[in-house]
């Protein structure tokens, strides 16, 4: 399938530069198949009930962007993506070509960087070292890796780019659908009879790298680490409906179902014709044109996504990381008692 099939016009005015306040005041487009309802995320608990399991990705964004000076005095920048073992990290680096393997850079008295193998596409192996725990050093000298289209006001409160249920700092970007939730929203979901479980997918290039090839099938997904506890998986297996919050939760769940492994690395690329095994309902933001995330939405509901996006744009919904959301039932919709693949999970 051509990547051009996932293009659409995204006006600058539709891109959310600052988040909605409060978080759950973000708008929620609910797809009913033959019509849509315009709600807010605050209404979500009323759309859920007993038998629903809501899956949250509780990864926390690492202050993973580090700026430095090269020996020549020139500026450099890197974005830590994920741990690669033995103290090494995979990172995006610029200018990568001017930092040959073996180069050492001192960021400060508590953080230095060794540059290793060139992995291609701007990716490098980096070994940070510090007399402090690495997270403490990054808290001093790293920055949250906000998407470039977000406005300066986004940084008034760095916690606004973290979910209220975030846990282990590891990701290079936020699981943005989860940004809409407040503690009150979560409590009301439970009060409605639904269950919330937490899983982890460490957000990296696999989520935010754009599709740059002409054919969707030629796109290469980069690996991301995921982890699902046995307790959470048991609740998911027993659910009548699995409601995934965000595409990262989807990728973790469907990867676990396919591999039979509750923890590991996934390069799963979900596209049209995908054999869904776990997720029945998806709460997700509005995504960039030609992105793998939009390709996943197409696999979930078919080309109806275009109608929904057109309606959202016409009605003033806000797009991308700090934008609004939509609630989607998988097509064909899950019917209790039908052969949905749930028993094989």
Protein backbone atom coordinates (compact mmCIF):
# COMPACT_ATOMS: atom_id res chain seq x y z
CA UNK A 1 0.00 0.00 0.00
CA UNK A 2 1.30 3.46 -0.87
CA UNK A 3 2.36 5.72 1.98
CA UNK A 4 0.61 8.55 0.14
CA UNK A 5 -2.72 6.91 1.10
CA UNK A 6 -2.03 8.14 4.64
CA UNK A 7 -1.53 11.76 3.74
CA UNK A 8 -3.96 14.48 4.70
CA UNK A 9 -3.80 18.24 5.07
CA UNK A 10 -2.99 19.25 8.64
CA UNK A 11 -3.39 23.02 9.06
CA UNK A 12 -1.02 24.75 11.46
CA UNK A 13 -4.02 26.09 13.39
CA UNK A 14 -5.07 22.50 14.25
CA UNK A 15 -1.79 21.61 15.99
CA UNK A 16 -2.06 21.92 19.78
CA UNK A 17 0.82 24.03 21.09
CA UNK A 18 -0.18 23.93 24.75
CA UNK A 19 -2.14 21.31 26.71
CA UNK A 20 -5.77 21.48 27.73
CA UNK A 21 -6.38 22.42 31.36
CA UNK A 22 -7.51 20.51 33.24
CA UNK A 23 -6.16 17.45 31.49
CA UNK A 24 -9.51 15.68 31.16
CA UNK A 25 -11.16 18.71 29.54
CA UNK A 26 -9.60 17.56 26.26
CA UNK A 27 -12.26 16.78 23.68
CA UNK A 28 -13.12 13.16 22.87
CA UNK A 29 -14.59 12.15 19.52
CA UNK A 30 -16.51 8.90 20.07
CA UNK A 31 -17.00 6.85 16.91
CA UNK A 32 -20.37 5.08 16.86
CA UNK A 33 -19.94 3.62 13.37
CA UNK A 34 -22.81 5.48 11.70
CA UNK A 35 -22.29 8.73 13.62
CA UNK A 36 -19.95 10.37 16.10
CA UNK A 37 -20.49 11.89 19.51
CA UNK A 38 -18.56 14.90 20.74
CA UNK A 39 -17.59 14.41 24.37
CA UNK A 40 -14.64 15.17 26.64
CA UNK A 41 -12.23 12.75 28.28
CA UNK A 42 -14.01 13.60 31.54
CA UNK A 43 -16.99 11.63 30.11
CA UNK A 44 -14.93 8.47 29.56
CA UNK A 45 -15.94 6.71 32.82
CA UNK A 46 -19.57 6.86 31.69
CA UNK A 47 -18.64 4.97 28.53
CA UNK A 48 -17.06 2.10 30.48
CA UNK A 49 -18.30 -0.50 32.93
CA UNK A 50 -17.90 -3.99 34.41
CA UNK A 51 -15.92 -6.32 32.16
CA UNK A 52 -13.82 -3.50 30.70
CA UNK A 53 -10.08 -3.51 31.36
CA UNK A 54 -8.37 -0.19 30.67
CA UNK A 55 -4.67 -0.58 29.84
CA UNK A 56 -2.31 2.30 30.66
CA UNK A 57 1.31 2.64 29.59
CA UNK A 58 3.01 3.93 32.75
CA UNK A 59 6.40 4.70 31.23
CA UNK A 60 7.93 8.02 32.27
CA UNK A 61 9.79 10.38 29.95
CA UNK A 62 13.51 10.56 30.63
CA UNK A 63 15.26 13.97 30.45
CA UNK A 64 16.95 12.36 27.48
CA UNK A 65 18.04 15.36 25.38
CA UNK A 66 21.60 16.40 26.22
CA UNK A 67 23.36 19.39 24.67
CA UNK A 68 27.16 19.55 24.66
CA UNK A 69 30.18 21.24 23.14
CA UNK A 70 32.61 19.37 20.93
CA UNK A 71 36.39 19.82 21.31
CA UNK A 72 36.24 22.26 18.38
CA UNK A 73 33.76 24.41 20.28
CA UNK A 74 30.89 23.48 18.01
CA UNK A 75 27.50 22.60 19.44
CA UNK A 76 26.21 19.05 19.59
CA UNK A 77 23.07 17.34 20.80
CA UNK A 78 21.92 13.80 21.48
CA UNK A 79 18.69 12.06 22.38
CA UNK A 80 19.01 8.87 24.41
CA UNK A 81 16.63 6.23 23.03
CA UNK A 82 17.14 3.07 25.06
CA UNK A 83 19.74 1.07 26.95
CA UNK A 84 21.80 -1.25 24.74
CA UNK A 85 23.69 -3.16 27.45
CA UNK A 86 27.05 -2.88 29.27
CA UNK A 87 26.47 0.80 29.99
CA UNK A 88 25.84 1.70 26.34
CA UNK A 89 22.75 3.49 25.04
CA UNK A 90 21.39 3.87 21.55
CA UNK A 91 20.98 7.56 20.78
CA UNK A 92 20.24 10.00 18.00
CA UNK A 93 23.23 12.30 17.60
CA UNK A 94 23.97 15.43 15.64
CA UNK A 95 26.36 16.17 14.11
CA UNK A 96 27.15 12.45 14.18
CA UNK A 97 29.76 12.54 11.41
CA UNK A 98 31.96 14.91 13.43
CA UNK A 99 32.14 12.57 16.41
CA UNK A 100 34.10 9.47 15.36
CA UNK A 101 34.04 6.34 17.54
CA UNK A 102 36.26 6.78 20.57
CA UNK A 103 35.45 10.47 20.99
CA UNK A 104 34.94 11.57 24.58
CA UNK A 105 32.98 14.69 25.48
CA UNK A 106 32.70 16.21 28.93
CA UNK A 107 29.28 17.78 29.46
CA UNK A 108 30.06 18.80 33.04
CA UNK A 109 31.95 17.58 36.07
CA UNK A 110 29.18 15.00 36.65
CA UNK A 111 28.46 13.82 33.09
CA UNK A 112 30.72 12.69 30.26
CA UNK A 113 29.94 10.85 27.04
CA UNK A 114 31.85 8.27 25.04
CA UNK A 115 30.79 7.94 21.39
CA UNK A 116 30.77 4.44 19.97
CA UNK A 117 29.60 2.64 16.85
CA UNK A 118 27.67 4.43 14.10
CA UNK A 119 24.36 2.55 13.66
CA UNK A 120 23.15 4.55 10.65
CA UNK A 121 20.28 7.02 10.27
CA UNK A 122 21.87 9.35 12.82
CA UNK A 123 21.89 6.64 15.50
CA UNK A 124 24.96 5.98 17.61
CA UNK A 125 26.03 3.96 20.59
CA UNK A 126 26.74 6.31 23.50
CA UNK A 127 28.20 5.43 26.90
CA UNK A 128 27.39 8.06 29.53
CA UNK A 129 29.43 8.07 32.72
CA UNK A 130 28.92 9.94 35.96
CA UNK A 131 29.88 9.73 39.63
CA UNK A 132 26.14 10.13 40.25
CA UNK A 133 23.35 7.76 39.26
CA UNK A 134 22.69 8.46 35.58
CA UNK A 135 19.18 9.72 36.23
CA UNK A 136 20.51 12.27 38.72
CA UNK A 137 23.06 13.48 36.16
CA UNK A 138 20.35 13.74 33.49
CA UNK A 139 18.10 15.63 35.89
CA UNK A 140 20.89 18.23 36.07
CA UNK A 141 21.97 18.35 32.44
CA UNK A 142 19.24 16.73 30.37
CA UNK A 143 16.01 18.14 29.00
CA UNK A 144 12.63 16.61 28.29
CA UNK A 145 12.60 15.81 24.56
CA UNK A 146 9.49 17.77 23.61
CA UNK A 147 8.34 17.52 19.99
CA UNK A 148 9.58 20.55 18.01
CA UNK A 149 6.07 21.85 17.22
CA UNK A 150 5.19 22.48 20.88
CA UNK A 151 5.27 26.06 22.09
CA UNK A 152 7.53 27.49 24.79
CA UNK A 153 4.62 27.60 27.27
CA UNK A 154 4.62 23.79 27.20
CA UNK A 155 7.61 23.91 29.56
CA UNK A 156 5.93 26.05 32.24
CA UNK A 157 5.37 22.76 34.10
CA UNK A 158 7.54 19.85 32.87
CA UNK A 159 5.19 17.42 34.65
CA UNK A 160 2.56 18.31 32.07
CA UNK A 161 4.48 16.15 29.59
CA UNK A 162 4.24 13.21 32.00
CA UNK A 163 1.16 11.11 32.72
CA UNK A 164 -0.17 11.28 36.28
CA UNK A 165 0.48 7.53 36.56
CA UNK A 166 4.03 7.57 35.15
CA UNK A 167 6.57 5.36 36.91
CA UNK A 168 10.00 4.33 35.59
CA UNK A 169 11.92 7.03 33.67
CA UNK A 170 12.95 5.38 30.41
CA UNK A 171 11.17 6.86 27.38
CA UNK A 172 12.22 9.40 24.77
CA UNK A 173 8.64 10.63 24.31
CA UNK A 174 5.38 10.57 26.25
CA UNK A 175 2.59 8.05 25.67
CA UNK A 176 0.41 11.01 24.75
CA UNK A 177 -3.08 9.49 25.00
CA UNK A 178 -2.39 8.97 28.70
CA UNK A 179 -1.73 12.70 29.20
CA UNK A 180 -5.52 13.28 29.26
CA UNK A 181 -6.09 11.34 32.48
CA UNK A 182 -6.39 12.83 35.96
CA UNK A 183 -6.46 10.96 39.24
CA UNK A 184 -10.18 11.73 39.40
CA UNK A 185 -10.75 10.25 35.94
CA UNK A 186 -8.97 7.06 36.96
CA UNK A 187 -10.97 6.81 40.19
CA UNK A 188 -14.23 7.31 38.33
CA UNK A 189 -13.32 4.58 35.81
CA UNK A 190 -12.90 2.16 38.70
CA UNK A 191 -16.12 3.43 40.32
CA UNK A 192 -17.93 2.64 37.04
CA UNK A 193 -16.91 -1.01 37.48
CA UNK A 194 -14.02 -1.13 35.02
CA UNK A 195 -10.49 -2.23 35.92
CA UNK A 196 -7.29 -0.30 35.23
CA UNK A 197 -4.00 -2.12 34.68
CA UNK A 198 -0.56 -0.77 33.93
CA UNK A 199 1.95 -2.05 31.42
CA UNK A 200 5.15 -0.52 30.07
CA UNK A 201 6.36 0.19 26.56
CA UNK A 202 9.50 2.33 26.40
CA UNK A 203 8.70 4.91 23.75
CA UNK A 204 11.44 5.39 21.18
CA UNK A 205 12.01 5.55 17.43
CA UNK A 206 9.51 2.77 16.75
CA UNK A 207 6.74 5.14 17.82
CA UNK A 208 7.81 8.53 16.51
CA UNK A 209 9.97 7.83 13.45
CA UNK A 210 8.06 8.92 10.31
CA UNK A 211 7.50 6.73 7.28
CA UNK A 212 9.84 8.02 4.57
CA UNK A 213 9.49 5.22 1.99
CA UNK A 214 6.91 5.10 -0.80
CA UNK A 215 5.46 1.72 0.14
CA UNK A 216 4.12 1.16 3.65
CA UNK A 217 5.41 -2.42 3.70
CA UNK A 218 8.98 -1.16 3.19
CA UNK A 219 8.93 0.81 6.45
CA UNK A 220 11.26 -0.60 9.11
CA UNK A 221 10.07 -0.38 12.71
CA UNK A 222 12.75 0.16 15.33
CA UNK A 223 12.63 -2.06 18.39
CA UNK A 224 11.05 -0.88 21.62
CA UNK A 225 11.08 -2.66 24.99
CA UNK A 226 7.82 -3.71 26.61
CA UNK A 227 6.79 -5.34 29.87
CA UNK A 228 3.42 -6.74 31.01
CA UNK A 229 3.06 -8.20 34.49
CA UNK A 230 1.51 -11.64 34.89
CA UNK A 231 -1.23 -10.10 37.05
CA UNK A 232 -2.11 -7.51 34.40
CA UNK A 233 -2.07 -10.16 31.66
CA UNK A 234 -4.44 -12.35 33.66
CA UNK A 235 -6.94 -9.51 33.98
CA UNK A 236 -6.61 -8.80 30.26
CA UNK A 237 -7.31 -12.44 29.38
CA UNK A 238 -10.48 -12.35 31.51
CA UNK A 239 -11.76 -9.04 30.10
CA UNK A 240 -14.91 -8.68 28.08
CA UNK A 241 -13.38 -5.62 26.41
CA UNK A 242 -9.75 -4.54 26.41
CA UNK A 243 -9.53 -0.76 26.17
CA UNK A 244 -6.01 0.33 25.21
CA UNK A 245 -4.99 3.87 26.08
CA UNK A 246 -2.68 4.87 23.26
CA UNK A 247 -0.92 3.14 20.40
CA UNK A 248 2.02 2.22 22.65
CA UNK A 249 -0.26 0.12 24.85
CA UNK A 250 -1.59 -1.54 21.69
CA UNK A 251 1.88 -2.43 20.50
CA UNK A 252 2.87 -3.95 23.85
CA UNK A 253 -0.30 -6.03 24.17
CA UNK A 254 -0.37 -7.36 20.63
CA UNK A 255 3.36 -8.14 20.82
CA UNK A 256 2.87 -10.14 24.02
CA UNK A 257 0.02 -12.08 22.42
CA UNK A 258 2.09 -13.00 19.37
CA UNK A 259 5.30 -13.94 21.08
CA UNK A 260 3.88 -15.44 24.26
CA UNK A 261 6.49 -13.35 26.08
CA UNK A 262 5.33 -10.82 28.67
CA UNK A 263 8.62 -8.94 28.49
CA UNK A 264 10.91 -8.33 25.58
CA UNK A 265 11.71 -6.21 22.55
CA UNK A 266 9.23 -5.65 19.74
CA UNK A 267 9.53 -4.52 16.13
CA UNK A 268 5.84 -5.16 15.47
CA UNK A 269 4.45 -2.99 12.66
CA UNK A 270 0.65 -3.00 12.72
CA UNK A 271 -0.89 -2.27 9.34
CA UNK A 272 -3.89 -3.19 7.21
CA UNK A 273 -4.72 -6.90 7.34
CA UNK A 274 -3.35 -7.27 10.88
CA UNK A 275 -4.76 -10.19 12.88
CA UNK A 276 -5.93 -8.51 16.08
CA UNK A 277 -5.80 -10.72 19.16
CA UNK A 278 -6.16 -8.45 22.19
CA UNK A 279 -7.38 -4.87 21.78
CA UNK A 280 -11.09 -4.18 21.31
CA UNK A 281 -11.28 -0.43 21.97
CA UNK A 282 -8.64 2.25 21.47
CA UNK A 283 -8.37 5.73 22.96
CA UNK A 284 -5.84 7.65 20.91
CA UNK A 285 -4.83 11.15 19.84
CA UNK A 286 -4.91 12.48 16.27
CA UNK A 287 -1.65 11.62 14.51
CA UNK A 288 0.68 13.10 11.93
CA UNK A 289 0.16 12.36 8.23
CA UNK A 290 2.20 9.45 6.86
CA UNK A 291 2.98 8.10 10.33
CA UNK A 292 3.07 4.48 11.45
CA UNK A 293 0.54 5.46 14.14
CA UNK A 294 -1.98 6.52 11.50
CA UNK A 295 -1.30 3.25 9.66
CA UNK A 296 -2.20 1.43 12.90
CA UNK A 297 -5.49 3.34 13.14
CA UNK A 298 -6.28 2.29 9.57
CA UNK A 299 -5.66 -1.34 10.56
CA UNK A 300 -8.02 -0.89 13.53
CA UNK A 301 -11.03 0.80 11.87
CA UNK A 302 -10.29 0.79 8.14
CA UNK A 303 -10.34 3.89 5.98
CA UNK A 304 -13.10 5.38 8.14
CA UNK A 305 -10.24 7.20 9.87
CA UNK A 306 -10.27 9.73 7.04
CA UNK A 307 -13.93 10.62 7.65
CA UNK A 308 -13.27 10.98 11.37
CA UNK A 309 -10.21 13.16 10.80
CA UNK A 310 -12.12 15.37 8.38
CA UNK A 311 -14.94 15.81 10.88
CA UNK A 312 -12.49 16.53 13.70
CA UNK A 313 -10.70 19.19 11.65
CA UNK A 314 -13.97 20.77 10.61
CA UNK A 315 -15.14 20.88 14.24
CA UNK A 316 -11.98 22.44 15.62
CA UNK A 317 -10.37 19.46 17.36
CA UNK A 318 -6.72 19.89 18.29
CA UNK A 319 -4.15 17.46 16.90
CA UNK A 320 -0.89 15.74 17.96
CA UNK A 321 0.76 15.32 21.38
CA UNK A 322 -1.17 17.94 23.39
CA UNK A 323 -4.27 17.64 21.24
CA UNK A 324 -7.66 15.99 21.68
CA UNK A 325 -8.52 12.30 21.45
CA UNK A 326 -10.92 9.82 19.93
CA UNK A 327 -12.44 6.57 21.14
CA UNK A 328 -12.62 3.80 18.56
CA UNK A 329 -14.22 0.35 18.45
CA UNK A 330 -12.31 -2.15 16.36
CA UNK A 331 -13.92 -3.11 13.07
CA UNK A 332 -15.59 -5.54 13.02
CA UNK A 333 -16.55 -4.77 16.63
CA UNK A 334 -15.91 -7.34 19.30
CA UNK A 335 -19.06 -9.25 20.26
CA UNK A 336 -19.12 -11.15 23.56
CA UNK A 337 -19.11 -14.88 22.92
CA UNK A 338 -17.80 -14.55 19.37
CA UNK A 339 -14.57 -16.09 18.12
CA UNK A 340 -12.26 -13.11 18.64
CA UNK A 341 -8.97 -14.81 19.32
CA UNK A 342 -9.21 -13.99 23.04
CA UNK A 343 -9.02 -17.63 24.10
CA UNK A 344 -5.67 -17.99 22.32
CA UNK A 345 -3.98 -15.16 24.20
